[in-house]
C-alpha atoms as a PDB file:
ATOM      1  CA  MET A   1     102.356  -4.521 145.109  1.00  0.00           C
ATOM      2  CA  PRO A   2     105.358  -6.128 143.352  1.00  0.00           C
ATOM      3  CA  PRO A   3     107.469  -4.215 140.878  1.00  0.00           C
ATOM      4  CA  SER A   4     105.330  -5.591 137.997  1.00  0.00           C
ATOM      5  CA  VAL A   5     103.067  -2.571 138.514  1.00  0.00           C
ATOM      6  CA  ALA A   6     105.223   0.383 137.532  1.00  0.00           C
ATOM      7  CA  GLY A   7     104.927   3.331 139.860  1.00  0.00           C
ATOM      8  CA  ALA A   8     102.673   1.523 142.361  1.00  0.00           C
ATOM      9  CA  PRO A   9     102.485   3.419 145.678  1.00  0.00           C
ATOM     10  CA  ASP A  10     103.801   1.876 148.858  1.00  0.00           C
ATOM     11  CA  LEU A  11     100.744   0.812 150.832  1.00  0.00           C
ATOM     12  CA  SER A  12     102.596  -0.842 153.670  1.00  0.00           C
ATOM     13  CA  GLY A  13     101.701   2.015 156.010  1.00  0.00           C
ATOM     14  CA  LEU A  14      98.041   1.808 155.010  1.00  0.00           C
ATOM     15  CA  ILE A  15      98.040  -1.906 155.614  1.00  0.00           C
ATOM     16  CA  GLU A  16      99.546  -1.361 159.067  1.00  0.00           C
ATOM     17  CA  LEU A  17      96.803   1.163 159.872  1.00  0.00           C
ATOM     18  CA  SER A  18      94.207  -1.415 158.850  1.00  0.00           C
ATOM     19  CA  ARG A  19      95.267  -3.511 161.815  1.00  0.00           C
ATOM     20  CA  ASP A  20      94.241  -0.738 164.211  1.00  0.00           C
ATOM     21  CA  PRO A  21      90.888  -1.834 165.669  1.00  0.00           C
ATOM     22  CA  ALA A  22      89.857   1.817 166.091  1.00  0.00           C
ATOM     23  CA  LEU A  23      90.086   2.441 162.354  1.00  0.00           C
ATOM     24  CA  ASP A  24      88.226   0.621 159.581  1.00  0.00           C
ATOM     25  CA  LEU A  25      90.356   1.160 156.532  1.00  0.00           C
ATOM     26  CA  LYS A  26      89.606  -2.239 154.999  1.00  0.00           C
ATOM     27  CA  PRO A  27      87.125  -0.844 152.419  1.00  0.00           C
ATOM     28  CA  VAL A  28      89.673   1.782 151.334  1.00  0.00           C
ATOM     29  CA  ILE A  29      92.482  -0.726 151.035  1.00  0.00           C
ATOM     30  CA  LEU A  30      90.315  -3.165 149.080  1.00  0.00           C
ATOM     31  CA  ARG A  31      89.219  -0.505 146.611  1.00  0.00           C
ATOM     32  CA  VAL A  32      92.737   0.839 146.137  1.00  0.00           C
ATOM     33  CA  GLN A  33      94.192  -2.629 145.663  1.00  0.00           C
ATOM     34  CA  THR A  34      91.433  -3.468 143.174  1.00  0.00           C
ATOM     35  CA  ASP A  35      92.209  -0.349 141.147  1.00  0.00           C
ATOM     36  CA  LEU A  36      95.918  -1.155 141.161  1.00  0.00           C
ATOM     37  CA  PHE A  37      95.235  -4.736 140.113  1.00  0.00           C
ATOM     38  CA  LEU A  38      93.103  -3.593 137.185  1.00  0.00           C
ATOM     39  CA  ALA A  39      95.677  -0.980 136.180  1.00  0.00           C
ATOM     40  CA  ALA A  40      98.522  -3.494 136.028  1.00  0.00           C
ATOM     41  CA  PRO A  41      99.698  -3.943 132.415  1.00  0.00           C
ATOM     42  CA  VAL A  42     100.473  -7.621 133.077  1.00  0.00           C
ATOM     43  CA  HIS A  43      98.908  -9.904 135.654  1.00  0.00           C
ATOM     44  CA  ASP A  44     101.876 -12.087 136.462  1.00  0.00           C
ATOM     45  CA  ARG A  45     101.896 -14.755 139.152  1.00  0.00           C
ATOM     46  CA  ALA A  46     103.161 -12.403 141.854  1.00  0.00           C
ATOM     47  CA  ILE A  47     100.392  -9.865 141.236  1.00  0.00           C
ATOM     48  CA  LEU A  48      97.690 -12.529 141.075  1.00  0.00           C
ATOM     49  CA  ARG A  49      98.948 -14.190 144.264  1.00  0.00           C
ATOM     50  CA  GLU A  50      99.149 -10.935 146.262  1.00  0.00           C
ATOM     51  CA  PHE A  51      95.767  -9.620 145.080  1.00  0.00           C
ATOM     52  CA  GLU A  52      94.100 -12.954 145.769  1.00  0.00           C
ATOM     53  CA  SER A  53      95.551 -13.117 149.284  1.00  0.00           C
ATOM     54  CA  LEU A  54      94.505  -9.590 150.201  1.00  0.00           C
ATOM     55  CA  ALA A  55      91.129  -9.316 148.396  1.00  0.00           C
ATOM     56  CA  ALA A  56      89.840 -12.758 149.335  1.00  0.00           C
ATOM     57  CA  GLY A  57      90.614 -11.934 152.960  1.00  0.00           C
ATOM     58  CA  LEU A  58      89.017  -8.476 152.954  1.00  0.00           C
ATOM     59  CA  ILE A  59      85.853  -9.104 150.928  1.00  0.00           C
ATOM     60  CA  PRO A  60      84.098 -11.093 153.705  1.00  0.00           C
ATOM     61  CA  THR A  61      84.767  -8.227 156.165  1.00  0.00           C
ATOM     62  CA  VAL A  62      83.839  -5.083 154.222  1.00  0.00           C
ATOM     63  CA  ASP A  63      80.436  -3.458 153.974  1.00  0.00           C
ATOM     64  CA  GLU A  64      77.986  -4.475 151.273  1.00  0.00           C
ATOM     65  CA  GLU A  65      78.456  -1.312 149.204  1.00  0.00           C
ATOM     66  CA  THR A  66      82.211  -1.835 149.004  1.00  0.00           C
ATOM     67  CA  ALA A  67      81.748  -5.464 147.965  1.00  0.00           C
ATOM     68  CA  ARG A  68      79.308  -4.370 145.263  1.00  0.00           C
ATOM     69  CA  VAL A  69      81.684  -1.686 143.918  1.00  0.00           C
ATOM     70  CA  VAL A  70      84.588  -4.125 143.812  1.00  0.00           C
ATOM     71  CA  ALA A  71      82.473  -6.709 141.993  1.00  0.00           C
ATOM     72  CA  GLU A  72      81.438  -4.112 139.403  1.00  0.00           C
ATOM     73  CA  LYS A  73      85.042  -3.108 138.823  1.00  0.00           C
ATOM     74  CA  LEU A  74      86.207  -6.704 138.399  1.00  0.00           C
ATOM     75  CA  LYS A  75      83.307  -7.773 136.195  1.00  0.00           C
ATOM     76  CA  GLY A  76      85.140  -7.253 132.892  1.00  0.00           C
ATOM     77  CA  CYS A  77      88.510  -8.631 133.995  1.00  0.00           C
ATOM     78  CA  PRO A  78      89.326 -12.149 132.760  1.00  0.00           C
ATOM     79  CA  ASP A  79      92.111 -12.666 135.323  1.00  0.00           C
ATOM     80  CA  VAL A  80      90.160 -12.430 138.596  1.00  0.00           C
ATOM     81  CA  PRO A  81      91.539 -15.184 140.875  1.00  0.00           C
ATOM     82  CA  ALA A  82      89.145 -18.001 141.719  1.00  0.00           C
ATOM     83  CA  ASN A  83      89.159 -17.313 145.481  1.00  0.00           C
ATOM     84  CA  VAL A  84      88.225 -13.661 144.877  1.00  0.00           C
ATOM     85  CA  ARG A  85      85.327 -14.770 142.665  1.00  0.00           C
ATOM     86  CA  ALA A  86      84.191 -17.180 145.364  1.00  0.00           C
ATOM     87  CA  ALA A  87      84.369 -14.505 148.079  1.00  0.00           C
ATOM     88  CA  LEU A  88      82.311 -12.058 146.034  1.00  0.00           C
ATOM     89  CA  GLU A  89      79.757 -14.742 145.157  1.00  0.00           C
ATOM     90  CA  ALA A  90      79.400 -15.560 148.860  1.00  0.00           C
ATOM     91  CA  ARG A  91      78.568 -11.886 149.460  1.00  0.00           C
ATOM     92  CA  GLY A  92      75.866 -12.036 146.774  1.00  0.00           C
ATOM     93  CA  PHE A  93      77.875 -10.409 143.966  1.00  0.00           C
ATOM     94  CA  PRO A  94      78.895 -13.203 141.576  1.00  0.00           C
ATOM     95  CA  ILE A  95      81.165 -12.393 138.630  1.00  0.00           C
ATOM     96  CA  ALA A  96      80.450 -14.319 135.441  1.00  0.00           C
ATOM     97  CA  LEU A  97      83.350 -16.320 134.081  1.00  0.00           C
ATOM     98  CA  PRO A  98      84.921 -14.769 130.968  1.00  0.00           C
ATOM     99  CA  PRO A  99      83.756 -16.254 127.660  1.00  0.00           C
ATOM    100  CA  GLU A 100      85.881 -19.019 126.226  1.00  0.00           C
ATOM    101  CA  PRO A 101      88.304 -17.714 123.618  1.00  0.00           C
ATOM    102  CA  GLU A 102      87.049 -18.239 120.103  1.00  0.00           C
ATOM    103  CA  THR A 103      88.675 -21.289 118.577  1.00  0.00           C
ATOM    104  CA  GLU A 104      89.902 -21.387 115.011  1.00  0.00           C
ATOM    105  CA  ALA A 105      86.996 -23.677 114.157  1.00  0.00           C
ATOM    106  CA  GLU A 106      84.506 -21.133 115.478  1.00  0.00           C
ATOM    107  CA  ALA A 107      86.294 -18.326 113.662  1.00  0.00           C
ATOM    108  CA  ASP A 108      86.233 -20.326 110.432  1.00  0.00           C
ATOM    109  CA  ARG A 109      82.524 -21.009 110.808  1.00  0.00           C
ATOM    110  CA  ALA A 110      81.796 -17.336 111.495  1.00  0.00           C
ATOM    111  CA  LEU A 111      83.768 -16.414 108.378  1.00  0.00           C
ATOM    112  CA  ALA A 112      81.949 -18.981 106.252  1.00  0.00           C
ATOM    113  CA  GLU A 113      78.566 -17.775 107.528  1.00  0.00           C
ATOM    114  CA  ASN A 114      79.329 -14.138 106.694  1.00  0.00           C
ATOM    115  CA  PRO A 115      77.909 -13.540 103.201  1.00  0.00           C
ATOM    116  CA  GLY A 116      79.901 -10.328 102.884  1.00  0.00           C
ATOM    117  CA  ALA A 117      83.268 -11.947 103.628  1.00  0.00           C
ATOM    118  CA  LEU A 118      85.567 -12.372 100.664  1.00  0.00           C
ATOM    119  CA  ILE A 119      87.110 -15.823 100.844  1.00  0.00           C
ATOM    120  CA  GLY A 120      90.410 -16.107  99.028  1.00  0.00           C
ATOM    121  CA  THR A 121      92.079 -19.285  97.843  1.00  0.00           C
ATOM    122  CA  ARG A 122      94.272 -19.959 100.868  1.00  0.00           C
ATOM    123  CA  VAL A 123      91.429 -19.340 103.307  1.00  0.00           C
ATOM    124  CA  LEU A 124      89.088 -21.512 101.236  1.00  0.00           C
ATOM    125  CA  ASP A 125      91.620 -24.337 101.235  1.00  0.00           C
ATOM    126  CA  ARG A 126      91.683 -24.224 105.033  1.00  0.00           C
ATOM    127  CA  LEU A 127      87.885 -24.143 105.236  1.00  0.00           C
ATOM    128  CA  LEU A 128      87.530 -27.048 102.810  1.00  0.00           C
ATOM    129  CA  THR A 129      90.073 -29.120 104.746  1.00  0.00           C
ATOM    130  CA  ARG A 130      88.038 -28.621 107.906  1.00  0.00           C
ATOM    131  CA  ALA A 131      84.708 -29.110 106.116  1.00  0.00           C
ATOM    132  CA  ARG A 132      85.709 -32.582 104.903  1.00  0.00           C
ATOM    133  CA  THR A 133      84.998 -33.802 108.447  1.00  0.00           C
ATOM    134  CA  ASP A 134      82.516 -31.099 109.538  1.00  0.00           C
ATOM    135  CA  ALA A 135      79.109 -31.590 107.935  1.00  0.00           C
ATOM    136  CA  ASP A 136      77.732 -28.303 109.277  1.00  0.00           C
ATOM    137  CA  LEU A 137      80.604 -26.270 107.863  1.00  0.00           C
ATOM    138  CA  ALA A 138      80.313 -28.200 104.592  1.00  0.00           C
ATOM    139  CA  GLN A 139      76.668 -27.193 104.241  1.00  0.00           C
ATOM    140  CA  ILE A 140      77.514 -23.548 105.005  1.00  0.00           C
ATOM    141  CA  LEU A 141      80.153 -23.498 102.259  1.00  0.00           C
ATOM    142  CA  LEU A 142      77.898 -25.299  99.791  1.00  0.00           C
ATOM    143  CA  ALA A 143      75.255 -22.634 100.360  1.00  0.00           C
ATOM    144  CA  ARG A 144      77.597 -19.781  99.399  1.00  0.00           C
ATOM    145  CA  PRO A 145      76.897 -18.605  95.832  1.00  0.00           C
ATOM    146  CA  ASP A 146      80.362 -17.044  95.474  1.00  0.00           C
ATOM    147  CA  ILE A 147      82.296 -20.337  95.542  1.00  0.00           C
ATOM    148  CA  PRO A 148      82.587 -21.932  92.070  1.00  0.00           C
ATOM    149  CA  PRO A 149      81.436 -25.563  91.715  1.00  0.00           C
ATOM    150  CA  ALA A 150      84.954 -26.732  90.847  1.00  0.00           C
ATOM    151  CA  ASP A 151      86.236 -25.451  94.181  1.00  0.00           C
ATOM    152  CA  LEU A 152      83.450 -27.291  96.006  1.00  0.00           C
ATOM    153  CA  ALA A 153      84.594 -30.688  94.692  1.00  0.00           C
ATOM    154  CA  PRO A 154      86.027 -31.722  98.119  1.00  0.00           C
ATOM    155  CA  LEU A 155      82.462 -31.467  99.468  1.00  0.00           C
ATOM    156  CA  TRP A 156      80.832 -33.572  96.726  1.00  0.00           C
ATOM    157  CA  LEU A 157      79.677 -36.151  99.279  1.00  0.00           C
ATOM    158  CA  TYR A 158      77.710 -33.487 101.188  1.00  0.00           C
ATOM    159  CA  ALA A 159      76.151 -31.862  98.130  1.00  0.00           C
ATOM    160  CA  GLY A 160      72.592 -32.400  96.901  1.00  0.00           C
ATOM    161  CA  PRO A 161      71.802 -33.783  93.436  1.00  0.00           C
ATOM    162  CA  GLU A 162      71.874 -30.432  91.609  1.00  0.00           C
ATOM    163  CA  GLN A 163      75.114 -29.307  93.208  1.00  0.00           C
ATOM    164  CA  ARG A 164      76.706 -32.684  92.642  1.00  0.00           C
ATOM    165  CA  SER A 165      75.844 -32.374  88.961  1.00  0.00           C
ATOM    166  CA  ALA A 166      77.350 -28.876  88.775  1.00  0.00           C
ATOM    167  CA  ILE A 167      80.487 -29.983  90.615  1.00  0.00           C
ATOM    168  CA  THR A 168      80.866 -33.056  88.403  1.00  0.00           C
ATOM    169  CA  GLN A 169      80.533 -31.003  85.227  1.00  0.00           C
ATOM    170  CA  ALA A 170      83.110 -28.508  86.469  1.00  0.00           C
ATOM    171  CA  VAL A 171      85.574 -31.274  87.353  1.00  0.00           C
ATOM    172  CA  GLU A 172      84.942 -33.054  84.056  1.00  0.00           C
ATOM    173  CA  ALA A 173      85.973 -29.929  82.136  1.00  0.00           C
ATOM    174  CA  THR A 174      89.567 -30.300  83.315  1.00  0.00           C
ATOM    175  CA  ALA A 175      89.796 -34.004  84.179  1.00  0.00           C
ATOM    176  CA  ALA A 176      90.242 -35.020  80.552  1.00  0.00           C
ATOM    177  CA  LEU A 177      93.337 -32.833  80.265  1.00  0.00           C
ATOM    178  CA  ARG A 178      95.310 -35.161  82.523  1.00  0.00           C
ATOM    179  CA  PRO A 179      96.445 -38.633  81.500  1.00  0.00           C
ATOM    180  CA  CYS A 180      94.389 -41.528  82.772  1.00  0.00           C
ATOM    181  CA  PRO A 181      96.122 -44.781  81.857  1.00  0.00           C
ATOM    182  CA  PRO A 182      94.022 -47.962  81.909  1.00  0.00           C
ATOM    183  CA  ALA A 183      93.855 -49.772  85.212  1.00  0.00           C
ATOM    184  CA  PRO A 184      95.110 -53.362  85.307  1.00  0.00           C
ATOM    185  CA  ARG A 185      92.264 -55.796  84.638  1.00  0.00           C
ATOM    186  CA  ALA A 186      93.483 -57.901  87.526  1.00  0.00           C
ATOM    187  CA  LEU A 187      92.070 -55.327  89.952  1.00  0.00           C
ATOM    188  CA  ALA A 188      88.568 -55.522  88.469  1.00  0.00           C
ATOM    189  CA  THR A 189      88.722 -59.317  88.444  1.00  0.00           C
ATOM    190  CA  ARG A 190      89.796 -59.405  92.075  1.00  0.00           C
ATOM    191  CA  LEU A 191      86.998 -57.042  93.109  1.00  0.00           C
ATOM    192  CA  VAL A 192      84.344 -59.111  91.331  1.00  0.00           C
ATOM    193  CA  GLU A 193      85.633 -62.263  93.013  1.00  0.00           C
ATOM    194  CA  HIS A 194      85.527 -60.664  96.479  1.00  0.00           C
ATOM    195  CA  SER A 195      82.013 -59.366  95.838  1.00  0.00           C
ATOM    196  CA  HIS A 196      80.828 -62.773  94.657  1.00  0.00           C
ATOM    197  CA  ALA A 197      82.233 -64.286  97.851  1.00  0.00           C
ATOM    198  CA  ARG A 198      80.600 -61.466  99.866  1.00  0.00           C
ATOM    199  CA  ASP A 199      83.982 -60.817 101.433  1.00  0.00           C
ATOM    200  CA  VAL A 200      83.395 -57.152 102.183  1.00  0.00           C
ATOM    201  CA  PRO A 201      86.661 -56.506 104.108  1.00  0.00           C
ATOM    202  CA  ALA A 202      88.752 -58.028 101.327  1.00  0.00           C
ATOM    203  CA  PHE A 203      86.797 -56.076  98.712  1.00  0.00           C
ATOM    204  CA  ILE A 204      87.264 -52.749 100.502  1.00  0.00           C
ATOM    205  CA  THR A 205      90.953 -53.426 101.101  1.00  0.00           C
ATOM    206  CA  ALA A 206      91.636 -54.429  97.493  1.00  0.00           C
ATOM    207  CA  LEU A 207      89.827 -51.378  96.116  1.00  0.00           C
ATOM    208  CA  GLY A 208      91.581 -48.994  98.484  1.00  0.00           C
ATOM    209  CA  GLN A 209      95.004 -50.429  97.817  1.00  0.00           C
ATOM    210  CA  GLY A 210      94.371 -50.555  94.082  1.00  0.00           C
ATOM    211  CA  LEU A 211      93.670 -46.825  93.990  1.00  0.00           C
ATOM    212  CA  GLY A 212      96.006 -45.802  96.792  1.00  0.00           C
ATOM    213  CA  LEU A 213      93.123 -44.433  98.855  1.00  0.00           C
ATOM    214  CA  PRO A 214      93.673 -43.445 102.499  1.00  0.00           C
ATOM    215  CA  PRO A 215      93.052 -46.083 105.186  1.00  0.00           C
ATOM    216  CA  ASN A 216      89.401 -46.288 106.214  1.00  0.00           C
ATOM    217  CA  TYR A 217      88.535 -44.275 103.108  1.00  0.00           C
ATOM    218  CA  LEU A 218      84.842 -45.121 103.300  1.00  0.00           C
ATOM    219  CA  GLY A 219      84.733 -43.272 106.612  1.00  0.00           C
ATOM    220  CA  ALA A 220      84.864 -40.040 104.600  1.00  0.00           C
ATOM    221  CA  ALA A 221      81.140 -40.587 104.014  1.00  0.00           C
ATOM    222  CA  VAL A 222      79.267 -40.714 107.314  1.00  0.00           C
ATOM    223  CA  ASP A 223      75.913 -41.219 105.613  1.00  0.00           C
ATOM    224  CA  PRO A 224      75.444 -44.814 104.344  1.00  0.00           C
ATOM    225  CA  VAL A 225      73.888 -43.582 101.109  1.00  0.00           C
ATOM    226  CA  ALA A 226      76.812 -41.292 100.389  1.00  0.00           C
ATOM    227  CA  ARG A 227      79.169 -44.124 101.318  1.00  0.00           C
ATOM    228  CA  TYR A 228      77.926 -46.234  98.403  1.00  0.00           C
ATOM    229  CA  ASP A 229      78.120 -43.207  96.118  1.00  0.00           C
ATOM    230  CA  LEU A 230      81.765 -42.894  97.145  1.00  0.00           C
ATOM    231  CA  LEU A 231      82.251 -46.582  96.493  1.00  0.00           C
ATOM    232  CA  THR A 232      80.747 -46.110  93.020  1.00  0.00           C
ATOM    233  CA  LEU A 233      83.229 -43.350  92.209  1.00  0.00           C
ATOM    234  CA  ALA A 234      86.032 -45.660  93.309  1.00  0.00           C
ATOM    235  CA  LEU A 235      84.723 -48.481  91.102  1.00  0.00           C
ATOM    236  CA  ARG A 236      84.609 -46.098  88.153  1.00  0.00           C
ATOM    237  CA  ALA A 237      88.145 -44.896  88.872  1.00  0.00           C
ATOM    238  CA  ALA A 238      89.268 -48.533  89.109  1.00  0.00           C
ATOM    239  CA  ASP A 239      88.052 -48.965  85.509  1.00  0.00           C
ATOM    240  CA  LEU A 240      85.433 -51.641  86.119  1.00  0.00           C
ATOM    241  CA  ARG A 241      83.089 -52.309  83.227  1.00  0.00           C
ATOM    242  CA  GLU A 242      79.450 -51.376  83.762  1.00  0.00           C
ATOM    243  CA  GLY A 243      78.396 -55.023  83.991  1.00  0.00           C
ATOM    244  CA  GLU A 244      81.035 -55.658  86.650  1.00  0.00           C
ATOM    245  CA  ALA A 245      79.871 -52.668  88.651  1.00  0.00           C
ATOM    246  CA  VAL A 246      76.244 -53.852  88.460  1.00  0.00           C
ATOM    247  CA  PHE A 247      77.365 -57.272  89.686  1.00  0.00           C
ATOM    248  CA  VAL A 248      79.007 -55.616  92.682  1.00  0.00           C
ATOM    249  CA  PHE A 249      75.860 -53.606  93.445  1.00  0.00           C
ATOM    250  CA  LEU A 250      73.780 -56.811  93.367  1.00  0.00           C
ATOM    251  CA  THR A 251      76.081 -59.020  95.413  1.00  0.00           C
ATOM    252  CA  LEU A 252      78.207 -57.036  97.854  1.00  0.00           C
ATOM    253  CA  ASN A 253      75.418 -55.680 100.073  1.00  0.00           C
ATOM    254  CA  ASP A 254      71.951 -57.186 100.435  1.00  0.00           C
ATOM    255  CA  SER A 255      70.271 -53.963 101.532  1.00  0.00           C
ATOM    256  CA  VAL A 256      71.448 -52.248  98.355  1.00  0.00           C
ATOM    257  CA  ALA A 257      70.647 -55.223  96.130  1.00  0.00           C
ATOM    258  CA  ARG A 258      67.049 -55.357  97.406  1.00  0.00           C
ATOM    259  CA  SER A 259      66.374 -51.757  96.342  1.00  0.00           C
ATOM    260  CA  VAL A 260      65.804 -51.444  92.616  1.00  0.00           C
ATOM    261  CA  ASP A 261      65.794 -47.660  92.858  1.00  0.00           C
ATOM    262  CA  ARG A 262      69.081 -47.618  94.730  1.00  0.00           C
ATOM    263  CA  VAL A 263      70.800 -49.945  92.257  1.00  0.00           C
ATOM    264  CA  PHE A 264      69.460 -47.855  89.387  1.00  0.00           C
ATOM    265  CA  SER A 265      70.783 -44.632  90.919  1.00  0.00           C
ATOM    266  CA  LEU A 266      74.213 -46.183  91.466  1.00  0.00           C
ATOM    267  CA  VAL A 267      74.330 -47.483  87.901  1.00  0.00           C
ATOM    268  CA  THR A 268      73.326 -44.037  86.644  1.00  0.00           C
ATOM    269  CA  LEU A 269      76.112 -42.408  88.670  1.00  0.00           C
ATOM    270  CA  PHE A 270      78.600 -44.968  87.354  1.00  0.00           C
ATOM    271  CA  ARG A 271      77.417 -44.528  83.764  1.00  0.00           C
ATOM    272  CA  GLU A 272      77.325 -40.726  83.756  1.00  0.00           C
ATOM    273  CA  THR A 273      80.712 -40.189  85.428  1.00  0.00           C
ATOM    274  CA  SER A 274      83.799 -40.585  83.284  1.00  0.00           C
ATOM    275  CA  ARG A 275      86.708 -42.458  84.773  1.00  0.00           C
ATOM    276  CA  ALA A 276      88.929 -39.378  84.748  1.00  0.00           C
ATOM    277  CA  THR A 277      86.200 -37.348  86.462  1.00  0.00           C
ATOM    278  CA  ALA A 278      85.698 -40.038  89.120  1.00  0.00           C
ATOM    279  CA  ARG A 279      89.439 -40.055  89.723  1.00  0.00           C
ATOM    280  CA  ASP A 280      89.588 -36.271  90.137  1.00  0.00           C
ATOM    281  CA  LEU A 281      86.547 -36.239  92.413  1.00  0.00           C
ATOM    282  CA  LEU A 282      88.264 -38.786  94.648  1.00  0.00           C
ATOM    283  CA  CYS A 283      91.406 -36.651  94.605  1.00  0.00           C
ATOM    284  CA  ALA A 284      89.359 -33.665  95.783  1.00  0.00           C
ATOM    285  CA  ILE A 285      87.335 -35.573  98.384  1.00  0.00           C
ATOM    286  CA  PHE A 286      90.430 -37.023 100.062  1.00  0.00           C
ATOM    287  CA  GLY A 287      92.825 -34.183  99.313  1.00  0.00           C
ATOM    288  CA  VAL A 288      95.405 -36.646  97.997  1.00  0.00           C
ATOM    289  CA  PRO A 289      96.352 -37.971  94.557  1.00  0.00           C
ATOM    290  CA  VAL A 290      94.579 -41.202  93.663  1.00  0.00           C
ATOM    291  CA  MET A 291      97.170 -43.808  92.796  1.00  0.00           C
ATOM    292  CA  GLU A 292      97.064 -46.773  90.515  1.00  0.00           C
ATOM    293  CA  ARG A 293      99.425 -49.626  89.865  1.00  0.00           C
ATOM    294  CA  ALA A 294     100.167 -49.613  86.155  1.00  0.00           C
ATOM    295  CA  ALA A 295     102.851 -51.346  84.106  1.00  0.00           C
ATOM    296  CA  GLY A 296     104.326 -52.872  87.247  1.00  0.00           C
ATOM    297  CA  GLU A 297     104.940 -49.501  88.914  1.00  0.00           C
ATOM    298  CA  HIS A 298     102.904 -47.636  91.530  1.00  0.00           C
ATOM    299  CA  GLN A 299     102.262 -44.331  89.782  1.00  0.00           C
ATOM    300  CA  PRO A 300     100.130 -41.347  90.710  1.00  0.00           C
ATOM    301  CA  LEU A 301      97.295 -40.569  88.326  1.00  0.00           C
ATOM    302  CA  HIS A 302      96.981 -37.002  89.514  1.00  0.00           C
ATOM    303  CA  GLY A 303      98.834 -34.696  91.829  1.00  0.00           C
ATOM    304  CA  PRO A 304     102.302 -33.284  92.462  1.00  0.00           C
ATOM    305  CA  GLU A 305     103.861 -36.752  92.494  1.00  0.00           C
ATOM    306  CA  SER A 306     102.813 -37.417  88.904  1.00  0.00           C
ATOM    307  CA  LYS A 307     105.586 -38.013  86.408  1.00  0.00           C
ATOM    308  CA  ARG A 308     105.877 -35.278  83.810  1.00  0.00           C
ATOM    309  CA  GLY A 309     104.914 -36.758  80.455  1.00  0.00           C
ATOM    310  CA  SER A 310     106.304 -35.888  77.105  1.00  0.00           C
ATOM    311  CA  THR A 311     103.201 -36.245  74.939  1.00  0.00           C
ATOM    312  CA  ALA A 312     101.165 -33.278  73.811  1.00  0.00           C
ATOM    313  CA  ALA A 313      98.161 -34.413  75.812  1.00  0.00           C
ATOM    314  CA  GLU A 314     100.239 -34.658  78.980  1.00  0.00           C
ATOM    315  CA  ARG A 315     101.681 -31.193  78.420  1.00  0.00           C
ATOM    316  CA  LEU A 316      98.124 -29.833  78.476  1.00  0.00           C
ATOM    317  CA  ARG A 317      97.879 -30.597  82.206  1.00  0.00           C
ATOM    318  CA  THR A 318      98.625 -27.074  83.325  1.00  0.00           C
ATOM    319  CA  VAL A 319      97.185 -25.117  80.406  1.00  0.00           C
ATOM    320  CA  LEU A 320      93.868 -24.392  82.136  1.00  0.00           C
ATOM    321  CA  PRO A 321      93.898 -23.452  85.820  1.00  0.00           C
ATOM    322  CA  MET A 322      91.378 -25.140  88.085  1.00  0.00           C
ATOM    323  CA  ARG A 323      90.583 -21.828  89.752  1.00  0.00           C
ATOM    324  CA  LEU A 324      89.925 -18.502  88.119  1.00  0.00           C
ATOM    325  CA  ARG A 325      88.989 -16.723  91.360  1.00  0.00           C
ATOM    326  CA  ARG A 326      90.877 -13.987  93.100  1.00  0.00           C
ATOM    327  CA  THR A 327      93.572 -15.247  95.474  1.00  0.00           C
ATOM    328  CA  SER A 328      94.418 -13.730  98.826  1.00  0.00           C
END
C-alpha cells in the first residue's frame, strides 16, 4: 500500500507467493488488503486505485465465503470503488450505494418538522427565505405554534384565512409606526387606464415599477387565487381608491369579474387592509423594501434604504421591535 496508510506492512512478498500455482493465498491477500483499506485514515486516489486494481482482480477468483466476508466488511464504507462493487455483485454479494448526503434543504425541513427544536431568529430567517419558494416547507412552518404571526408574514400567501387574519393584525400593529406618504395619483390613473384597455402586461409592469416590486413579482404566488390576493395588496399599497380597485377587479380579468364571490372577497381584503399594512406585507413576502416614487424622487417606504425622518412619528420607527422572541 502507498505511504498514505501509516505503518502498513510490506505485502510484496505475499503478493509474490500468490503467483505460485501450488499455493492459494488469494483469499488471504484479499482479506488483508480489505482490512488495510478500511483502516486507512484517508482514501486518497493512490489508495483507491491500488485497492480497486487488486480487489477487483481477486474477487472473481476467491471462494464464495471469502467474497461474502469481504462484502460484509465493505458494506458500511462509502468509498468502495465502482469496479469492486461490480465484482462483488457479480459474485452475488451486492453492496448498497451509500445514502446521498443530506442537503441543506433536507436539513432545514427536518429542523422545521421537529416540534422540539428551538428555532432562533437567524435560523428562522433562513427557513423563511427558503419557504418563500417551497410550499411544503411553508406549510410546515405555518403549522408550528411557536412562531409568532408577525414572523410568519413572509408566508402570508400560503396561509389560510385565520392565519392570514392573525398575520395581518400583527403586521398592522407596527405598520402605522412607519411613514407612508401618499402615492402619486398618476399611478392609480395609469393602472385604471390599462385595466380598462385590458392591457394586462402594461398593467402588471406599471404596478410593479410603481411600487419597486421585483421582476415577475406575481410569480411569488403559484396559486391563481393567491396571485390575485397579492395583486390586491399591491393595489392597496399603490393607494388606489376602493372604487378604482373594484373597477380593476371587474375589467382586468374576465374569470374574476364573472365570480361575484371572488370580487366580493377581493374587495373585502382591499377594504380591511390598511395601506401601510399592505405595504409591510409586500415587504415581508418579497423580502425587499417596497418602493414608491414620491415628490419626484424614488424613495423607499420601508427598509434599510429609507431616509431617516426628523418628525416625531418617523422617530417612532424603531421604538417597538418586530420580534420579541429569543435570538440565537
